Amino acid sequence: MRFRVQLKVPGNNRRTIDIALTRARLAVYVDGCFWHGCPEHHHRPRTNAEWWDWKIGCNRERDRSTDADLLSAGWDVLRVWEHEDPRDAADRVQQRYAERLYKP
């Protein structure tokens, strides 16, 4: 599977795809638990908590917007949390890649 790293999102040069499998038009993001508000591992900071709530909320909104941009451009999006087992994540990527390339 050939891939590119930090490829610009089509139609939005201010955003990038973490791992782009261009042949299958599959965008893979590895989201950090803190920065993207993981429901299992995100810990709300005590200092300046309101600002951090706003910041994490903005990050999540940007993620949804980026997903929508990619979907409308014909891409598929797969998001992986940083705490996931790398082998499991790789299996998910490989499965989605195959589904995208070998649709009946």
N, C-alpha and C. Protein backbone atom coordinates (compact mmCIF):
# COMPACT_ATOMS: atom_id res chain seq x y z
N MET A 1 0.84 -1.17 0.00
CA MET A 1 0.00 0.00 0.00
C MET A 1 0.89 1.24 0.00
N ARG A 2 0.80 2.00 -1.04
CA ARG A 2 1.57 3.24 -1.12
C ARG A 2 0.78 4.35 -0.45
N PHE A 3 1.50 5.23 0.24
CA PHE A 3 0.83 6.30 0.96
C PHE A 3 1.66 7.57 0.93
N ARG A 4 1.00 8.66 1.25
CA ARG A 4 1.67 9.94 1.40
C ARG A 4 1.35 10.46 2.79
N VAL A 5 2.25 11.26 3.32
CA VAL A 5 2.10 11.81 4.66
C VAL A 5 1.90 13.32 4.55
N GLN A 6 0.96 13.85 5.34
CA GLN A 6 0.68 15.28 5.39
C GLN A 6 0.28 15.84 4.02
N LEU A 7 -0.60 15.14 3.33
CA LEU A 7 -1.13 15.60 2.05
C LEU A 7 -2.21 16.64 2.31
N LYS A 8 -2.23 17.70 1.51
CA LYS A 8 -3.25 18.74 1.67
C LYS A 8 -4.64 18.17 1.39
N VAL A 9 -5.62 18.61 2.15
CA VAL A 9 -7.01 18.22 1.93
C VAL A 9 -7.48 18.88 0.64
N PRO A 10 -8.06 18.11 -0.29
CA PRO A 10 -8.53 18.71 -1.53
C PRO A 10 -9.52 19.85 -1.26
N GLY A 11 -9.24 21.00 -1.84
CA GLY A 11 -10.11 22.15 -1.67
C GLY A 11 -9.88 22.95 -0.40
N ASN A 12 -8.95 22.52 0.45
CA ASN A 12 -8.67 23.24 1.68
C ASN A 12 -7.18 23.11 2.01
N ASN A 13 -6.38 24.00 1.50
CA ASN A 13 -4.93 23.92 1.67
C ASN A 13 -4.44 24.22 3.08
N ARG A 14 -5.35 24.63 3.96
CA ARG A 14 -4.95 24.90 5.34
C ARG A 14 -5.00 23.66 6.21
N ARG A 15 -5.53 22.56 5.68
CA ARG A 15 -5.64 21.31 6.44
C ARG A 15 -4.91 20.20 5.70
N THR A 16 -4.44 19.21 6.47
CA THR A 16 -3.72 18.10 5.86
C THR A 16 -4.29 16.76 6.33
N ILE A 17 -4.00 15.75 5.54
CA ILE A 17 -4.37 14.37 5.87
C ILE A 17 -3.12 13.75 6.49
N ASP A 18 -3.25 13.11 7.65
CA ASP A 18 -2.09 12.49 8.30
C ASP A 18 -1.45 11.46 7.38
N ILE A 19 -2.24 10.48 6.95
CA ILE A 19 -1.76 9.43 6.06
C ILE A 19 -2.78 9.30 4.93
N ALA A 20 -2.35 9.55 3.71
CA ALA A 20 -3.25 9.52 2.56
C ALA A 20 -2.90 8.34 1.66
N LEU A 21 -3.84 7.44 1.51
CA LEU A 21 -3.69 6.33 0.57
C LEU A 21 -4.43 6.78 -0.69
N THR A 22 -3.68 7.44 -1.58
CA THR A 22 -4.30 8.17 -2.68
C THR A 22 -4.99 7.26 -3.68
N ARG A 23 -4.45 6.09 -3.93
CA ARG A 23 -5.06 5.18 -4.90
C ARG A 23 -6.48 4.81 -4.49
N ALA A 24 -6.69 4.58 -3.21
CA ALA A 24 -8.02 4.22 -2.69
C ALA A 24 -8.80 5.44 -2.22
N ARG A 25 -8.15 6.61 -2.25
CA ARG A 25 -8.76 7.83 -1.73
C ARG A 25 -9.25 7.62 -0.30
N LEU A 26 -8.32 7.13 0.52
CA LEU A 26 -8.58 6.86 1.93
C LEU A 26 -7.69 7.77 2.77
N ALA A 27 -8.32 8.56 3.63
CA ALA A 27 -7.60 9.46 4.53
C ALA A 27 -7.60 8.85 5.92
N VAL A 28 -6.41 8.69 6.50
CA VAL A 28 -6.28 8.11 7.83
C VAL A 28 -5.73 9.19 8.77
N TYR A 29 -6.41 9.36 9.89
CA TYR A 29 -5.98 10.30 10.92
C TYR A 29 -5.69 9.54 12.20
N VAL A 30 -4.60 9.90 12.85
CA VAL A 30 -4.28 9.37 14.17
C VAL A 30 -4.51 10.52 15.15
N ASP A 31 -5.61 10.43 15.87
CA ASP A 31 -6.02 11.51 16.77
C ASP A 31 -5.48 11.29 18.18
N GLY A 32 -4.88 12.34 18.73
CA GLY A 32 -4.38 12.30 20.09
C GLY A 32 -5.53 12.37 21.09
N CYS A 33 -5.44 11.58 22.15
CA CYS A 33 -6.53 11.51 23.14
C CYS A 33 -6.80 12.87 23.78
N PHE A 34 -5.77 13.61 24.12
CA PHE A 34 -5.98 14.91 24.75
C PHE A 34 -6.54 15.93 23.76
N TRP A 35 -5.89 16.08 22.62
CA TRP A 35 -6.23 17.16 21.69
C TRP A 35 -7.56 16.96 20.98
N HIS A 36 -8.03 15.74 20.90
CA HIS A 36 -9.27 15.48 20.17
C HIS A 36 -10.39 14.99 21.08
N GLY A 37 -10.17 14.99 22.38
CA GLY A 37 -11.23 14.70 23.34
C GLY A 37 -11.68 13.25 23.36
N CYS A 38 -10.74 12.34 23.44
CA CYS A 38 -11.07 10.90 23.51
C CYS A 38 -12.03 10.65 24.68
N PRO A 39 -13.13 9.94 24.42
CA PRO A 39 -14.09 9.68 25.50
C PRO A 39 -13.52 8.79 26.61
N GLU A 40 -12.49 8.02 26.32
CA GLU A 40 -11.89 7.13 27.32
C GLU A 40 -10.75 7.76 28.10
N HIS A 41 -9.93 8.58 27.44
CA HIS A 41 -8.68 9.03 28.06
C HIS A 41 -8.52 10.53 28.23
N HIS A 42 -9.41 11.31 27.71
CA HIS A 42 -9.25 12.77 27.81
C HIS A 42 -9.45 13.22 29.26
N HIS A 43 -8.47 13.96 29.75
CA HIS A 43 -8.55 14.53 31.11
C HIS A 43 -8.67 16.04 30.98
N ARG A 44 -9.71 16.57 31.53
CA ARG A 44 -9.95 18.02 31.48
C ARG A 44 -8.97 18.72 32.42
N PRO A 45 -8.18 19.66 31.90
CA PRO A 45 -7.25 20.39 32.77
C PRO A 45 -8.02 21.23 33.80
N ARG A 46 -7.46 21.38 34.97
CA ARG A 46 -8.10 22.19 36.01
C ARG A 46 -7.82 23.68 35.80
N THR A 47 -6.63 23.97 35.32
CA THR A 47 -6.26 25.35 35.08
C THR A 47 -6.82 25.80 33.73
N ASN A 48 -7.52 26.92 33.74
CA ASN A 48 -8.06 27.50 32.53
C ASN A 48 -9.01 26.51 31.81
N ALA A 49 -9.82 25.82 32.59
CA ALA A 49 -10.67 24.73 32.08
C ALA A 49 -11.64 25.19 31.00
N GLU A 50 -12.21 26.36 31.15
CA GLU A 50 -13.17 26.83 30.15
C GLU A 50 -12.51 27.02 28.80
N TRP A 51 -11.31 27.58 28.81
CA TRP A 51 -10.59 27.77 27.55
C TRP A 51 -10.28 26.42 26.91
N TRP A 52 -9.84 25.45 27.71
CA TRP A 52 -9.52 24.13 27.17
C TRP A 52 -10.77 23.44 26.62
N ASP A 53 -11.90 23.62 27.28
CA ASP A 53 -13.16 23.07 26.74
C ASP A 53 -13.44 23.65 25.37
N TRP A 54 -13.25 24.97 25.24
CA TRP A 54 -13.45 25.63 23.96
C TRP A 54 -12.48 25.10 22.91
N LYS A 55 -11.20 24.99 23.29
CA LYS A 55 -10.16 24.54 22.36
C LYS A 55 -10.42 23.13 21.85
N ILE A 56 -10.71 22.21 22.75
CA ILE A 56 -10.98 20.82 22.35
C ILE A 56 -12.25 20.76 21.51
N GLY A 57 -13.25 21.54 21.87
CA GLY A 57 -14.48 21.61 21.07
C GLY A 57 -14.21 22.09 19.65
N CYS A 58 -13.36 23.11 19.52
CA CYS A 58 -12.99 23.61 18.19
C CYS A 58 -12.25 22.55 17.39
N ASN A 59 -11.36 21.81 18.04
CA ASN A 59 -10.63 20.74 17.36
C ASN A 59 -11.61 19.69 16.82
N ARG A 60 -12.58 19.32 17.63
CA ARG A 60 -13.55 18.30 17.22
C ARG A 60 -14.42 18.81 16.08
N GLU A 61 -14.82 20.07 16.14
CA GLU A 61 -15.60 20.66 15.04
C GLU A 61 -14.78 20.68 13.75
N ARG A 62 -13.50 21.04 13.86
CA ARG A 62 -12.63 21.04 12.69
C ARG A 62 -12.49 19.63 12.11
N ASP A 63 -12.40 18.63 12.99
CA ASP A 63 -12.33 17.24 12.52
C ASP A 63 -13.57 16.88 11.71
N ARG A 64 -14.74 17.23 12.22
CA ARG A 64 -16.00 16.93 11.51
C ARG A 64 -16.07 17.67 10.18
N SER A 65 -15.64 18.92 10.17
CA SER A 65 -15.64 19.71 8.94
C SER A 65 -14.68 19.12 7.90
N THR A 66 -13.50 18.71 8.35
CA THR A 66 -12.53 18.10 7.45
C THR A 66 -13.07 16.79 6.89
N ASP A 67 -13.70 15.98 7.75
CA ASP A 67 -14.31 14.73 7.28
C ASP A 67 -15.34 15.03 6.19
N ALA A 68 -16.18 16.03 6.42
CA ALA A 68 -17.21 16.39 5.44
C ALA A 68 -16.58 16.85 4.12
N ASP A 69 -15.52 17.65 4.20
CA ASP A 69 -14.82 18.10 2.99
C ASP A 69 -14.29 16.91 2.19
N LEU A 70 -13.67 15.97 2.90
CA LEU A 70 -13.10 14.81 2.23
C LEU A 70 -14.20 13.92 1.64
N LEU A 71 -15.26 13.69 2.38
CA LEU A 71 -16.35 12.86 1.87
C LEU A 71 -16.97 13.47 0.62
N SER A 72 -17.14 14.78 0.62
CA SER A 72 -17.73 15.42 -0.56
C SER A 72 -16.78 15.39 -1.75
N ALA A 73 -15.49 15.22 -1.50
CA ALA A 73 -14.50 15.11 -2.59
C ALA A 73 -14.30 13.66 -3.02
N GLY A 74 -15.08 12.74 -2.45
CA GLY A 74 -14.98 11.34 -2.86
C GLY A 74 -14.00 10.49 -2.07
N TRP A 75 -13.50 11.02 -0.98
CA TRP A 75 -12.58 10.28 -0.12
C TRP A 75 -13.36 9.58 0.98
N ASP A 76 -12.73 8.59 1.58
CA ASP A 76 -13.24 7.95 2.79
C ASP A 76 -12.30 8.35 3.92
N VAL A 77 -12.82 8.42 5.13
CA VAL A 77 -12.02 8.87 6.27
C VAL A 77 -12.04 7.80 7.35
N LEU A 78 -10.87 7.49 7.87
CA LEU A 78 -10.72 6.54 8.97
C LEU A 78 -9.95 7.24 10.07
N ARG A 79 -10.53 7.31 11.26
CA ARG A 79 -9.87 7.95 12.39
C ARG A 79 -9.49 6.88 13.42
N VAL A 80 -8.25 6.98 13.89
CA VAL A 80 -7.69 6.03 14.84
C VAL A 80 -7.25 6.82 16.07
N TRP A 81 -7.58 6.34 17.26
CA TRP A 81 -7.11 6.99 18.49
C TRP A 81 -5.68 6.56 18.76
N GLU A 82 -4.90 7.45 19.35
CA GLU A 82 -3.50 7.16 19.63
C GLU A 82 -3.31 5.97 20.57
N HIS A 83 -4.33 5.66 21.40
CA HIS A 83 -4.18 4.58 22.36
C HIS A 83 -4.49 3.20 21.76
N GLU A 84 -4.99 3.17 20.53
CA GLU A 84 -5.34 1.90 19.92
C GLU A 84 -4.09 1.08 19.61
N ASP A 85 -4.24 -0.22 19.67
CA ASP A 85 -3.14 -1.11 19.33
C ASP A 85 -2.76 -0.90 17.86
N PRO A 86 -1.50 -0.65 17.56
CA PRO A 86 -1.09 -0.37 16.18
C PRO A 86 -1.44 -1.50 15.21
N ARG A 87 -1.37 -2.74 15.67
CA ARG A 87 -1.71 -3.86 14.78
C ARG A 87 -3.18 -3.84 14.43
N ASP A 88 -4.04 -3.55 15.42
CA ASP A 88 -5.48 -3.45 15.16
C ASP A 88 -5.78 -2.30 14.21
N ALA A 89 -5.12 -1.18 14.43
CA ALA A 89 -5.33 -0.02 13.56
C ALA A 89 -4.88 -0.34 12.13
N ALA A 90 -3.73 -0.99 12.00
CA ALA A 90 -3.23 -1.37 10.67
C ALA A 90 -4.19 -2.33 9.97
N ASP A 91 -4.77 -3.25 10.73
CA ASP A 91 -5.74 -4.18 10.16
C ASP A 91 -6.97 -3.42 9.64
N ARG A 92 -7.44 -2.44 10.41
CA ARG A 92 -8.59 -1.64 9.99
C ARG A 92 -8.28 -0.85 8.72
N VAL A 93 -7.08 -0.28 8.66
CA VAL A 93 -6.67 0.47 7.47
C VAL A 93 -6.62 -0.46 6.27
N GLN A 94 -6.00 -1.61 6.44
CA GLN A 94 -5.86 -2.56 5.33
C GLN A 94 -7.23 -3.04 4.84
N GLN A 95 -8.14 -3.30 5.77
CA GLN A 95 -9.48 -3.76 5.40
C GLN A 95 -10.23 -2.67 4.63
N ARG A 96 -10.19 -1.44 5.12
CA ARG A 96 -10.89 -0.35 4.45
C ARG A 96 -10.28 -0.08 3.09
N TYR A 97 -8.95 -0.18 3.00
CA TYR A 97 -8.24 0.02 1.73
C TYR A 97 -8.73 -1.00 0.70
N ALA A 98 -8.79 -2.24 1.11
CA ALA A 98 -9.24 -3.31 0.20
C ALA A 98 -10.70 -3.09 -0.20
N GLU A 99 -11.53 -2.68 0.74
CA GLU A 99 -12.94 -2.42 0.42
C GLU A 99 -13.07 -1.30 -0.61
N ARG A 100 -12.24 -0.28 -0.47
CA ARG A 100 -12.31 0.85 -1.40
C ARG A 100 -11.82 0.48 -2.80
N LEU A 101 -10.81 -0.37 -2.89
CA LEU A 101 -10.25 -0.71 -4.20
C LEU A 101 -10.99 -1.85 -4.89
N TYR A 102 -11.51 -2.77 -4.12
CA TYR A 102 -12.06 -3.99 -4.73
C TYR A 102 -13.56 -4.12 -4.50
N LYS A 103 -14.27 -3.00 -4.67
CA LYS A 103 -15.73 -3.05 -4.56
C LYS A 103 -16.28 -3.87 -5.75
N PRO A 104 -17.29 -4.71 -5.49
CA PRO A 104 -17.87 -5.48 -6.61
C PRO A 104 -18.70 -4.59 -7.53
